[in-house]
C-alpha cells in the first residue's frame, strides 16, 4: 500500500502526522504538488513535483494509484476519481470518502461551485480544529492497520 497526498493544499500539521505514520509503519508516502515542498529525509517519503496547471497534480495521482491505496485530499472530484478506481480517499479533517457518500459530497461541492459562479459568497474552508486533526489521525491509523 502507498499513501498519496494532494500536497499543495494539505495542512502542515496533517503532513507532519503523515510523515510520522509513514516512517512508523514503513509505508511509502508520496507527496504530489506543483510547487517545491519540504519533507524530512526518509526512505518512506517521496516528493513528486508536477508542472503547474489545473488538476495536474490530481491527474498524476489518479494515473498512478492502485486499488486499495490511500489518497489524502480535500478535493472532492479527486476523491470521487480515487473511489471510482477502488482507492481509499481521506480528507484532512478525518472524513473517509466511500461509494456510499462520495456522490452526495460531489453534488454539494458542485452546488457550492454553482453558487460561487453566480456571485454568491460562500466563504473558504474553515480552520482545521484539534478535534478534526485527532479524527484524521485516528482514521489514518484505522486504514493503515486494516491494510497492513
C-alpha atoms as a PDB file:
ATOM      1  CA  UNK A   1       0.000   0.000   0.000  1.00  0.00           C
ATOM      2  CA  UNK A   2       1.101   3.540  -0.756  1.00  0.00           C
ATOM      3  CA  UNK A   3      -0.233   6.818   0.604  1.00  0.00           C
ATOM      4  CA  UNK A   4      -0.660   9.589  -1.960  1.00  0.00           C
ATOM      5  CA  UNK A   5      -1.049  13.184  -0.774  1.00  0.00           C
ATOM      6  CA  UNK A   6      -2.602  16.031  -2.722  1.00  0.00           C
ATOM      7  CA  UNK A   7       0.062  18.127  -1.051  1.00  0.00           C
ATOM      8  CA  UNK A   8      -0.485  21.649  -2.365  1.00  0.00           C
ATOM      9  CA  UNK A   9      -3.413  22.351  -0.042  1.00  0.00           C
ATOM     10  CA  UNK A  10      -2.699  19.797   2.685  1.00  0.00           C
ATOM     11  CA  UNK A  11      -2.273  21.497   6.089  1.00  0.00           C
ATOM     12  CA  UNK A  12       1.237  21.322   7.560  1.00  0.00           C
ATOM     13  CA  UNK A  13       0.032  19.570  10.727  1.00  0.00           C
ATOM     14  CA  UNK A  14      -1.558  16.818   8.625  1.00  0.00           C
ATOM     15  CA  UNK A  15       1.661  16.360   6.631  1.00  0.00           C
ATOM     16  CA  UNK A  16       3.574  16.028   9.901  1.00  0.00           C
ATOM     17  CA  UNK A  17       1.200  13.283  11.061  1.00  0.00           C
ATOM     18  CA  UNK A  18       1.661  11.555   7.690  1.00  0.00           C
ATOM     19  CA  UNK A  19       5.465  11.786   7.895  1.00  0.00           C
ATOM     20  CA  UNK A  20       5.452  10.088  11.313  1.00  0.00           C
ATOM     21  CA  UNK A  21       2.921   7.439  10.231  1.00  0.00           C
ATOM     22  CA  UNK A  22       4.856   6.564   7.060  1.00  0.00           C
ATOM     23  CA  UNK A  23       8.077   6.083   8.993  1.00  0.00           C
ATOM     24  CA  UNK A  24       6.392   4.189  11.847  1.00  0.00           C
ATOM     25  CA  UNK A  25       4.545   1.789   9.546  1.00  0.00           C
ATOM     26  CA  UNK A  26       7.201   1.669   6.797  1.00  0.00           C
ATOM     27  CA  UNK A  27       4.580   2.777   4.261  1.00  0.00           C
ATOM     28  CA  UNK A  28       5.587   4.728   1.161  1.00  0.00           C
ATOM     29  CA  UNK A  29       4.222   8.277   1.297  1.00  0.00           C
ATOM     30  CA  UNK A  30       4.156  10.245  -1.961  1.00  0.00           C
ATOM     31  CA  UNK A  31       3.596  13.999  -1.817  1.00  0.00           C
ATOM     32  CA  UNK A  32       2.328  15.302  -5.157  1.00  0.00           C
ATOM     33  CA  UNK A  33       2.423  19.064  -5.696  1.00  0.00           C
ATOM     34  CA  UNK A  34       3.054  21.696  -8.307  1.00  0.00           C
ATOM     35  CA  UNK A  35       5.493  23.616  -6.135  1.00  0.00           C
ATOM     36  CA  UNK A  36       8.530  22.674  -4.068  1.00  0.00           C
ATOM     37  CA  UNK A  37       7.803  21.119  -0.680  1.00  0.00           C
ATOM     38  CA  UNK A  38       9.943  20.282   2.281  1.00  0.00           C
ATOM     39  CA  UNK A  39       9.845  16.858   3.877  1.00  0.00           C
ATOM     40  CA  UNK A  40      12.069  15.100   6.381  1.00  0.00           C
ATOM     41  CA  UNK A  41      14.638  12.710   4.957  1.00  0.00           C
ATOM     42  CA  UNK A  42      13.203   9.206   4.981  1.00  0.00           C
ATOM     43  CA  UNK A  43      13.277   6.215   2.669  1.00  0.00           C
ATOM     44  CA  UNK A  44       9.472   6.165   3.046  1.00  0.00           C
ATOM     45  CA  UNK A  45       8.786   9.757   1.959  1.00  0.00           C
ATOM     46  CA  UNK A  46       8.925  10.822  -1.700  1.00  0.00           C
ATOM     47  CA  UNK A  47       8.121  14.139  -3.340  1.00  0.00           C
ATOM     48  CA  UNK A  48       6.697  14.317  -6.850  1.00  0.00           C
ATOM     49  CA  UNK A  49       6.586  17.809  -8.318  1.00  0.00           C
ATOM     50  CA  UNK A  50       4.391  18.294 -11.386  1.00  0.00           C
ATOM     51  CA  UNK A  51       4.073  21.305 -13.665  1.00  0.00           C
ATOM     52  CA  UNK A  52       1.651  23.987 -12.560  1.00  0.00           C
ATOM     53  CA  UNK A  53      -1.784  23.764 -14.070  1.00  0.00           C
ATOM     54  CA  UNK A  54      -5.391  22.980 -13.353  1.00  0.00           C
ATOM     55  CA  UNK A  55      -5.735  19.458 -11.878  1.00  0.00           C
ATOM     56  CA  UNK A  56      -2.232  18.386 -12.987  1.00  0.00           C
ATOM     57  CA  UNK A  57      -1.375  17.016  -9.525  1.00  0.00           C
ATOM     58  CA  UNK A  58      -4.811  15.397  -9.208  1.00  0.00           C
ATOM     59  CA  UNK A  59      -4.458  13.725 -12.596  1.00  0.00           C
ATOM     60  CA  UNK A  60      -0.994  12.413 -11.684  1.00  0.00           C
ATOM     61  CA  UNK A  61      -2.406  10.815  -8.537  1.00  0.00           C
ATOM     62  CA  UNK A  62      -5.336   9.236 -10.394  1.00  0.00           C
ATOM     63  CA  UNK A  63      -2.981   7.901 -13.104  1.00  0.00           C
ATOM     64  CA  UNK A  64      -0.784   6.187 -10.542  1.00  0.00           C
ATOM     65  CA  UNK A  65      -2.950   4.888  -7.705  1.00  0.00           C
ATOM     66  CA  UNK A  66      -3.783   1.237  -7.444  1.00  0.00           C
ATOM     67  CA  UNK A  67      -6.935  -0.224  -5.854  1.00  0.00           C
ATOM     68  CA  UNK A  68      -6.699  -0.190  -2.070  1.00  0.00           C
ATOM     69  CA  UNK A  69      -4.191   2.662  -1.924  1.00  0.00           C
ATOM     70  CA  UNK A  70      -4.872   5.711   0.221  1.00  0.00           C
ATOM     71  CA  UNK A  71      -5.157   9.287  -1.054  1.00  0.00           C
ATOM     72  CA  UNK A  72      -5.236  12.263   1.302  1.00  0.00           C
ATOM     73  CA  UNK A  73      -7.219  15.103  -0.256  1.00  0.00           C
ATOM     74  CA  UNK A  74      -9.849  17.717   0.422  1.00  0.00           C
ATOM     75  CA  UNK A  75     -10.597  17.872  -3.314  1.00  0.00           C
ATOM     76  CA  UNK A  76     -13.968  16.186  -3.819  1.00  0.00           C
ATOM     77  CA  UNK A  77     -13.609  15.481  -7.576  1.00  0.00           C
ATOM     78  CA  UNK A  78     -10.212  13.876  -6.895  1.00  0.00           C
ATOM     79  CA  UNK A  79     -11.728  11.839  -4.049  1.00  0.00           C
ATOM     80  CA  UNK A  80     -14.503  10.697  -6.410  1.00  0.00           C
ATOM     81  CA  UNK A  81     -11.950   9.576  -9.012  1.00  0.00           C
ATOM     82  CA  UNK A  82      -9.983   7.722  -6.309  1.00  0.00           C
ATOM     83  CA  UNK A  83     -13.096   5.931  -5.053  1.00  0.00           C
ATOM     84  CA  UNK A  84     -14.038   5.046  -8.657  1.00  0.00           C
ATOM     85  CA  UNK A  85     -10.601   3.412  -9.082  1.00  0.00           C
ATOM     86  CA  UNK A  86     -11.031   1.361  -5.908  1.00  0.00           C
ATOM     87  CA  UNK A  87      -8.800   3.569  -3.789  1.00  0.00           C
ATOM     88  CA  UNK A  88      -9.412   4.956  -0.332  1.00  0.00           C
ATOM     89  CA  UNK A  89      -9.852   8.725  -0.012  1.00  0.00           C
ATOM     90  CA  UNK A  90      -9.458  10.511   3.321  1.00  0.00           C
ATOM     91  CA  UNK A  91      -9.770  14.235   3.817  1.00  0.00           C
ATOM     92  CA  UNK A  92      -7.518  16.172   6.229  1.00  0.00           C
ATOM     93  CA  UNK A  93     -10.417  16.547   8.669  1.00  0.00           C
ATOM     94  CA  UNK A  94     -10.778  12.784   9.079  1.00  0.00           C
ATOM     95  CA  UNK A  95     -13.711  12.028   6.778  1.00  0.00           C
ATOM     96  CA  UNK A  96     -13.382   8.887   4.688  1.00  0.00           C
ATOM     97  CA  UNK A  97     -14.984   9.085   1.270  1.00  0.00           C
ATOM     98  CA  UNK A  98     -16.665   5.927   0.058  1.00  0.00           C
ATOM     99  CA  UNK A  99     -19.014   4.743  -2.680  1.00  0.00           C
ATOM    100  CA  UNK A 100     -21.811   5.345  -0.153  1.00  0.00           C
ATOM    101  CA  UNK A 101     -21.090   9.054   0.416  1.00  0.00           C
ATOM    102  CA  UNK A 102     -18.985  10.409  -2.454  1.00  0.00           C
ATOM    103  CA  UNK A 103     -21.870  11.183  -4.822  1.00  0.00           C
ATOM    104  CA  UNK A 104     -23.580  13.298  -2.153  1.00  0.00           C
ATOM    105  CA  UNK A 105     -20.313  15.137  -1.371  1.00  0.00           C
ATOM    106  CA  UNK A 106     -19.738  15.738  -5.085  1.00  0.00           C
ATOM    107  CA  UNK A 107     -23.289  17.072  -5.502  1.00  0.00           C
ATOM    108  CA  UNK A 108     -22.850  19.501  -2.586  1.00  0.00           C
ATOM    109  CA  UNK A 109     -19.498  20.623  -3.965  1.00  0.00           C
ATOM    110  CA  UNK A 110     -20.982  21.225  -7.418  1.00  0.00           C
ATOM    111  CA  UNK A 111     -23.868  23.191  -5.900  1.00  0.00           C
ATOM    112  CA  UNK A 112     -21.412  25.394  -3.989  1.00  0.00           C
ATOM    113  CA  UNK A 113     -19.397  25.931  -7.173  1.00  0.00           C
ATOM    114  CA  UNK A 114     -22.564  26.995  -8.995  1.00  0.00           C
ATOM    115  CA  UNK A 115     -23.409  29.435  -6.195  1.00  0.00           C
ATOM    116  CA  UNK A 116     -19.933  30.982  -6.299  1.00  0.00           C
ATOM    117  CA  UNK A 117     -20.033  31.317 -10.089  1.00  0.00           C
ATOM    118  CA  UNK A 118     -23.329  33.202  -9.804  1.00  0.00           C
ATOM    119  CA  UNK A 119     -21.758  35.696  -7.389  1.00  0.00           C
ATOM    120  CA  UNK A 120     -22.803  34.265  -4.025  1.00  0.00           C
ATOM    121  CA  UNK A 121     -20.024  34.402  -1.439  1.00  0.00           C
ATOM    122  CA  UNK A 122     -19.751  31.007   0.226  1.00  0.00           C
ATOM    123  CA  UNK A 123     -16.520  31.589   2.155  1.00  0.00           C
ATOM    124  CA  UNK A 124     -13.415  29.466   2.146  1.00  0.00           C
ATOM    125  CA  UNK A 125     -12.655  26.325   4.088  1.00  0.00           C
ATOM    126  CA  UNK A 126     -12.951  26.591   7.854  1.00  0.00           C
ATOM    127  CA  UNK A 127      -9.876  26.494  10.049  1.00  0.00           C
ATOM    128  CA  UNK A 128      -8.908  22.945  10.991  1.00  0.00           C
ATOM    129  CA  UNK A 129      -9.502  22.245  14.691  1.00  0.00           C
ATOM    130  CA  UNK A 130      -7.744  19.915  17.140  1.00  0.00           C
ATOM    131  CA  UNK A 131     -10.731  17.549  17.154  1.00  0.00           C
ATOM    132  CA  UNK A 132     -10.533  17.243  13.354  1.00  0.00           C
ATOM    133  CA  UNK A 133      -6.776  16.668  13.490  1.00  0.00           C
ATOM    134  CA  UNK A 134      -7.346  13.866  16.009  1.00  0.00           C
ATOM    135  CA  UNK A 135     -10.133  12.464  13.826  1.00  0.00           C
ATOM    136  CA  UNK A 136      -7.732  12.430  10.872  1.00  0.00           C
ATOM    137  CA  UNK A 137      -5.014  10.679  12.879  1.00  0.00           C
ATOM    138  CA  UNK A 138      -7.487   8.051  14.104  1.00  0.00           C
ATOM    139  CA  UNK A 139      -8.890   7.430  10.603  1.00  0.00           C
ATOM    140  CA  UNK A 140      -5.366   7.188   9.157  1.00  0.00           C
ATOM    141  CA  UNK A 141      -4.353   4.651  11.806  1.00  0.00           C
ATOM    142  CA  UNK A 142      -7.501   2.607  11.115  1.00  0.00           C
ATOM    143  CA  UNK A 143      -6.782   2.497   7.376  1.00  0.00           C
ATOM    144  CA  UNK A 144      -3.138   1.608   7.908  1.00  0.00           C
ATOM    145  CA  UNK A 145      -3.947  -1.166  10.397  1.00  0.00           C
ATOM    146  CA  UNK A 146      -6.705  -2.568   8.174  1.00  0.00           C
ATOM    147  CA  UNK A 147      -4.414  -2.634   5.145  1.00  0.00           C
ATOM    148  CA  UNK A 148      -1.198  -3.895   6.750  1.00  0.00           C
END
